[in-house]
Protein backbone atom coordinates (compact mmCIF):
# COMPACT_ATOMS: atom_id res chain seq x y z
CA UNK A 1 0.05 -0.04 0.08
CA UNK A 2 2.83 2.43 0.98
CA UNK A 3 4.41 1.60 -2.39
CA UNK A 4 1.46 2.33 -4.30
CA UNK A 5 1.29 5.84 -2.72
CA UNK A 6 5.01 6.52 -3.36
CA UNK A 7 4.66 5.55 -7.12
CA UNK A 8 5.46 7.93 -9.77
CA UNK A 9 2.42 8.87 -11.99
CA UNK A 10 1.89 11.42 -14.76
CA UNK A 11 -0.97 13.49 -15.33
CA UNK A 12 -1.56 14.53 -18.97
CA UNK A 13 -4.01 16.87 -20.42
CA UNK A 14 -4.49 15.92 -24.22
CA UNK A 15 -6.45 17.28 -27.14
CA UNK A 16 -9.38 14.70 -27.56
CA UNK A 17 -9.32 15.18 -31.37
CA UNK A 18 -5.57 15.22 -32.24
CA UNK A 19 -4.39 13.50 -29.20
CA UNK A 20 -1.71 16.26 -28.66
CA UNK A 21 -0.34 16.60 -25.39
CA UNK A 22 -0.99 19.85 -23.82
CA UNK A 23 -0.01 19.72 -20.29
CA UNK A 24 1.62 16.97 -18.02
CA UNK A 25 2.39 16.81 -14.43
CA UNK A 26 4.53 14.30 -12.60
CA UNK A 27 2.58 13.41 -9.46
CA UNK A 28 2.81 11.07 -6.46
CA UNK A 29 -0.40 9.91 -4.86
CA UNK A 30 1.04 10.68 -1.40
CA UNK A 31 1.88 14.17 -2.45
CA UNK A 32 -1.87 14.51 -3.78
CA UNK A 33 -3.25 13.25 -0.45
CA UNK A 34 -1.03 15.61 1.65
CA UNK A 35 -1.90 18.58 -0.62
CA UNK A 36 -5.72 17.81 -0.46
CA UNK A 37 -5.62 17.36 3.28
CA UNK A 38 -3.61 20.64 3.91
CA UNK A 39 -6.13 22.50 1.72
CA UNK A 40 -9.04 20.92 3.76
CA UNK A 41 -7.58 22.07 6.98
CA UNK A 42 -6.68 25.53 5.75
CA UNK A 43 -10.43 25.97 4.68
CA UNK A 44 -11.58 24.66 7.94
CA UNK A 45 -9.29 27.04 9.94
CA UNK A 46 -10.31 30.11 7.75
CA UNK A 47 -14.11 29.20 8.14
CA UNK A 48 -13.58 28.95 12.03
CA UNK A 49 -11.85 32.50 12.00
CA UNK A 50 -14.64 34.02 10.18
CA UNK A 51 -17.19 32.50 12.38
CA UNK A 52 -15.33 33.37 15.57
CA UNK A 53 -14.25 36.96 14.72
CA UNK A 54 -16.45 38.59 12.08
CA UNK A 55 -20.11 39.76 12.05
CA UNK A 56 -20.59 37.18 9.26
CA UNK A 57 -21.55 34.58 12.09
CA UNK A 58 -24.85 36.30 12.60
CA UNK A 59 -25.93 35.14 9.43
CA UNK A 60 -25.31 31.36 10.49
CA UNK A 61 -28.31 29.74 12.01
CA UNK A 62 -27.65 29.13 15.80
CA UNK A 63 -25.45 32.05 16.29
CA UNK A 64 -26.94 35.33 17.84
CA UNK A 65 -25.67 38.88 17.78
CA UNK A 66 -23.01 39.26 20.42
CA UNK A 67 -24.32 42.78 21.19
CA UNK A 68 -28.11 41.84 21.36
CA UNK A 69 -27.91 41.30 25.24
CA UNK A 70 -26.32 44.67 25.59
CA UNK A 71 -28.89 46.44 23.30
CA UNK A 72 -31.79 44.78 25.03
CA UNK A 73 -30.44 45.92 28.40
CA UNK A 74 -29.89 49.44 27.07
CA UNK A 75 -33.35 49.62 25.80
CA UNK A 76 -34.92 48.30 29.09
CA UNK A 77 -33.23 51.18 30.87
CA UNK A 78 -34.32 53.66 28.46
CA UNK A 79 -37.92 52.31 28.60
CA UNK A 80 -37.75 52.35 32.45
CA UNK A 81 -36.31 55.94 32.51
CA UNK A 82 -39.10 57.13 30.16
CA UNK A 83 -41.87 55.61 32.23
CA UNK A 84 -40.41 57.30 35.31
CA UNK A 85 -40.24 60.44 33.54
CA UNK A 86 -44.07 60.11 32.42
CA UNK A 87 -45.03 59.23 35.97
CA UNK A 88 -43.19 62.52 37.10
CA UNK A 89 -45.02 64.67 34.71
CA UNK A 90 -48.41 63.21 35.60
CA UNK A 91 -47.57 63.91 39.12
CA UNK A 92 -46.34 67.42 38.43
CA UNK A 93 -49.60 68.13 36.48
CA UNK A 94 -51.77 66.51 39.16
CA UNK A 95 -50.00 68.78 41.85
CA UNK A 96 -50.65 71.90 39.72
CA UNK A 97 -54.29 70.96 39.59
CA UNK A 98 -54.24 70.54 43.37
CA UNK A 99 -52.49 73.82 43.93
CA UNK A 100 -54.90 75.59 41.61
CA UNK A 101 -57.93 73.99 43.56
CA UNK A 102 -56.66 74.83 46.72
CA UNK A 103 -55.59 71.39 47.69
CA UNK A 104 -52.21 69.84 49.04
CA UNK A 105 -49.76 68.17 46.47
CA UNK A 106 -49.12 64.56 46.38
CA UNK A 107 -46.12 63.65 48.49
CA UNK A 108 -44.18 61.95 45.88
CA UNK A 109 -43.79 59.31 42.93
CA UNK A 110 -44.72 55.72 44.18
CA UNK A 111 -41.66 53.49 43.51
CA UNK A 112 -42.14 50.49 41.22
CA UNK A 113 -41.51 47.13 42.97
CA UNK A 114 -38.97 46.22 40.53
CA UNK A 115 -36.86 49.31 41.23
CA UNK A 116 -36.65 48.86 45.10
CA UNK A 117 -33.36 46.85 44.63
CA UNK A 118 -30.65 49.48 45.09
CA UNK A 119 -27.26 49.50 43.61
CA UNK A 120 -25.66 48.16 46.84
CA UNK A 121 -28.13 45.13 46.90
CA UNK A 122 -26.81 44.31 43.47
CA UNK A 123 -22.98 44.53 44.34
CA UNK A 124 -23.37 42.37 47.23
CA UNK A 125 -23.85 39.58 44.84
CA UNK A 126 -20.61 40.15 43.06
CA UNK A 127 -17.22 38.72 44.08
CA UNK A 128 -15.04 41.94 44.32
CA UNK A 129 -11.45 42.49 45.46
CA UNK A 130 -10.29 44.66 48.19
CA UNK A 131 -8.75 47.11 45.60
CA UNK A 132 -12.16 47.19 43.85
CA UNK A 133 -13.92 48.06 47.27
CA UNK A 134 -11.40 50.80 48.03
CA UNK A 135 -11.88 52.32 44.61
CA UNK A 136 -15.51 52.16 44.69
CA UNK A 137 -15.56 53.79 48.20
CA UNK A 138 -13.16 56.58 47.00
CA UNK A 139 -15.40 57.38 43.75
CA UNK A 140 -18.53 57.35 45.72
CA UNK A 141 -17.32 59.74 48.43
CA UNK A 142 -16.14 62.24 45.60
CA UNK A 143 -19.66 62.04 44.08
CA UNK A 144 -21.34 62.84 47.47
CA UNK A 145 -18.96 65.63 47.79
CA UNK A 146 -19.53 67.16 44.60
CA UNK A 147 -23.28 66.91 45.01
CA UNK A 148 -23.09 68.54 48.41
CA UNK A 149 -20.90 71.43 47.13
CA UNK A 150 -23.30 71.81 44.08
CA UNK A 151 -26.49 72.06 46.29
CA UNK A 152 -24.58 74.64 48.64
CA UNK A 153 -23.59 76.79 45.59
CA UNK A 154 -27.07 76.91 43.86
CA UNK A 155 -28.85 77.25 47.09
CA UNK A 156 -31.25 74.31 46.52
CA UNK A 157 -32.08 73.80 50.02
CA UNK A 158 -32.30 77.57 51.22
CA UNK A 159 -35.03 79.64 49.70
CA UNK A 160 -33.58 82.68 51.26
CA UNK A 161 -30.87 82.87 48.52
CA UNK A 162 -33.70 83.82 45.92
CA UNK A 163 -34.11 87.59 45.13
CA UNK A 164 -37.79 87.89 44.68
CA UNK A 165 -39.55 90.57 42.56
CA UNK A 166 -43.04 91.76 44.37
CA UNK A 167 -45.70 90.78 41.97
CA UNK A 168 -48.18 93.39 43.18
CA UNK A 169 -48.05 96.36 45.51
CA UNK A 170 -51.06 96.81 47.62
CA UNK A 171 -52.85 95.83 50.88
CA UNK A 172 -52.92 92.48 52.39
CA UNK A 173 -56.46 91.29 53.17
CA UNK A 174 -55.81 87.71 53.96
CA UNK A 175 -52.68 86.29 55.27
CA UNK A 176 -51.12 82.99 54.79
CA UNK A 177 -52.82 80.17 56.78
CA UNK A 178 -52.08 76.52 56.37
CA UNK A 179 -54.47 75.40 59.08
CA UNK A 180 -57.14 77.11 57.23
CA UNK A 181 -56.09 75.74 53.91
CA UNK A 182 -55.32 79.31 52.53
CA UNK A 183 -51.82 78.50 51.08
CA UNK A 184 -51.09 82.03 49.80
CA UNK A 185 -51.96 85.89 50.50
CA UNK A 186 -54.70 88.02 49.12
CA UNK A 187 -53.51 91.49 47.92
CA UNK A 188 -56.10 94.13 47.12
CA UNK A 189 -55.04 96.94 44.77
CA UNK A 190 -56.47 99.37 42.27
CA UNK A 191 -58.25 97.94 39.27
CA UNK A 192 -56.36 97.28 35.83
CA UNK A 193 -53.01 97.04 37.99
CA UNK A 194 -50.36 94.81 36.19
CA UNK A 195 -49.36 91.78 37.96
CA UNK A 196 -45.51 90.97 37.58
CA UNK A 197 -43.57 87.76 37.71
CA UNK A 198 -41.87 87.31 40.76
CA UNK A 199 -38.75 85.39 39.31
CA UNK A 200 -37.51 84.18 35.86
CA UNK A 201 -39.40 81.14 34.77
CA UNK A 202 -41.69 79.19 32.50
CA UNK A 203 -45.36 79.58 32.41
CA UNK A 204 -46.79 75.95 33.05
CA UNK A 205 -50.45 76.88 33.46
CA UNK A 206 -52.57 79.66 31.85
CA UNK A 207 -56.14 78.93 32.04
CA UNK A 208 -59.58 79.71 33.64
CA UNK A 209 -61.30 77.72 36.27
CA UNK A 210 -64.83 78.36 37.86
CA UNK A 211 -63.37 78.53 41.32
CA UNK A 212 -60.21 80.55 40.88
CA UNK A 213 -60.88 82.54 37.69
CA UNK A 214 -58.13 83.35 35.32
CA UNK A 215 -55.08 81.62 36.83
CA UNK A 216 -51.50 81.71 35.82
CA UNK A 217 -48.59 79.65 37.11
CA UNK A 218 -44.95 79.88 36.74
CA UNK A 219 -42.22 77.09 37.21
CA UNK A 220 -38.92 78.62 38.36
CA UNK A 221 -35.59 77.11 39.01
CA UNK A 222 -34.93 74.80 41.93
CA UNK A 223 -38.41 73.38 42.50
CA UNK A 224 -40.08 76.86 43.00
CA UNK A 225 -43.43 77.58 41.77
CA UNK A 226 -45.47 80.64 41.93
CA UNK A 227 -49.31 80.88 41.35
CA UNK A 228 -51.52 83.93 40.58
CA UNK A 229 -55.30 83.57 40.95
CA UNK A 230 -58.56 85.63 40.33
CA UNK A 231 -56.94 87.64 37.43
CA UNK A 232 -59.28 89.64 34.94
CA UNK A 233 -57.00 88.67 31.97
CA UNK A 234 -53.84 86.78 31.31
CA UNK A 235 -51.06 88.36 29.19
CA UNK A 236 -48.76 85.30 28.83
CA UNK A 237 -49.62 81.89 27.38
CA UNK A 238 -48.44 78.25 28.52
CA UNK A 239 -44.93 77.64 27.60
CA UNK A 240 -43.84 81.13 27.49
CA UNK A 241 -40.55 82.13 29.25
CA UNK A 242 -40.80 85.24 31.53
CA UNK A 243 -38.23 87.22 33.25
CA UNK A 244 -38.65 88.64 36.85
CA UNK A 245 -40.89 91.94 36.79
CA UNK A 246 -42.52 91.09 33.40
CA UNK A 247 -46.37 91.63 33.26
CA UNK A 248 -48.06 88.32 33.22
CA UNK A 249 -51.66 89.30 34.07
CA UNK A 250 -54.16 91.98 35.15
CA UNK A 251 -55.60 92.19 38.66
CA UNK A 252 -59.31 91.15 38.57
CA UNK A 253 -62.31 89.50 40.42
CA UNK A 254 -62.84 86.43 38.43
CA UNK A 255 -63.81 83.24 39.99
CA UNK A 256 -66.51 82.12 42.49
CA UNK A 257 -64.40 82.58 45.56
CA UNK A 258 -63.31 86.00 44.84
CA UNK A 259 -64.80 89.04 46.42
CA UNK A 260 -63.63 92.27 45.01
CA UNK A 261 -60.46 93.07 42.83
CA UNK A 262 -57.46 91.37 44.38
CA UNK A 263 -54.51 88.91 43.80
CA UNK A 264 -54.33 85.49 45.42
CA UNK A 265 -50.66 84.83 45.35
CA UNK A 266 -49.02 81.60 46.34
CA UNK A 267 -45.45 80.49 46.55
CA UNK A 268 -44.46 76.73 46.69
CA UNK A 269 -41.05 75.48 47.41
CA UNK A 270 -40.05 71.64 46.87
CA UNK A 271 -43.83 70.81 46.96
CA UNK A 272 -44.86 72.74 50.18
CA UNK A 273 -46.54 76.24 50.40
CA UNK A 274 -44.53 79.07 52.06
CA UNK A 275 -45.66 82.49 53.18
CA UNK A 276 -44.61 84.90 50.47
CA UNK A 277 -44.35 87.96 53.21
CA UNK A 278 -41.41 86.30 54.64
CA UNK A 279 -39.41 86.87 51.46
CA UNK A 280 -40.91 90.11 49.89
CA UNK A 281 -42.49 93.30 50.88
CA UNK A 282 -46.09 94.18 49.54
């Protein structure tokens, strides 16, 4: 058998009509076998490389996209973030309605059950080295310091840092009284007096209700909201950006709970009503 593989053979290509020899090769069956085997191994190796390291493997049945799990996780996070944003928007609109109707805003957004697992609950399940724990502790302490400095610099937790513009000069007829559910002050002034914005902000409500008449509300920076009720007409529309001191409405006597020309002015900070007289002179 080995002698037959080592035998010398000649491969000849001839013209079928004239029997003229065109090309001839001297071959050994063993060399042919080795060449075919090497070619087959080379093809298998190239195919394996293509499947393992190129995107072409996604087209082979049974192989999934390597980034599919990452994209699914990213989309899940985005969907969860959008849902929380929508819930926050619904809560914000509901609180605006509660403020306009004289009620108390909702305390906060209820947490979803699947979001109660915190970051620390998750990392407890992971095997982390001592160096990793020290690095994580250092980074988290830096973040807390940065947040604390930013809050102090912007005055988020201190309403006294705001410089308010008095919306209307007049006489205080009814003062701020939380126990009596009067979450603002009533200011009597001459007819047709212009009402000014107390701070820069965006008009989030400019509408008419049967109880409070023409009402306008402005969202300011750092969770501060100002509300102006019982106007005779509104000078700004929802979505408009106003500066402190800009005219936004005209004093009036609109609404079922109004008794004479006046402005009912409310100031809300972090979802709680505050007495405007503590921060500005009327």
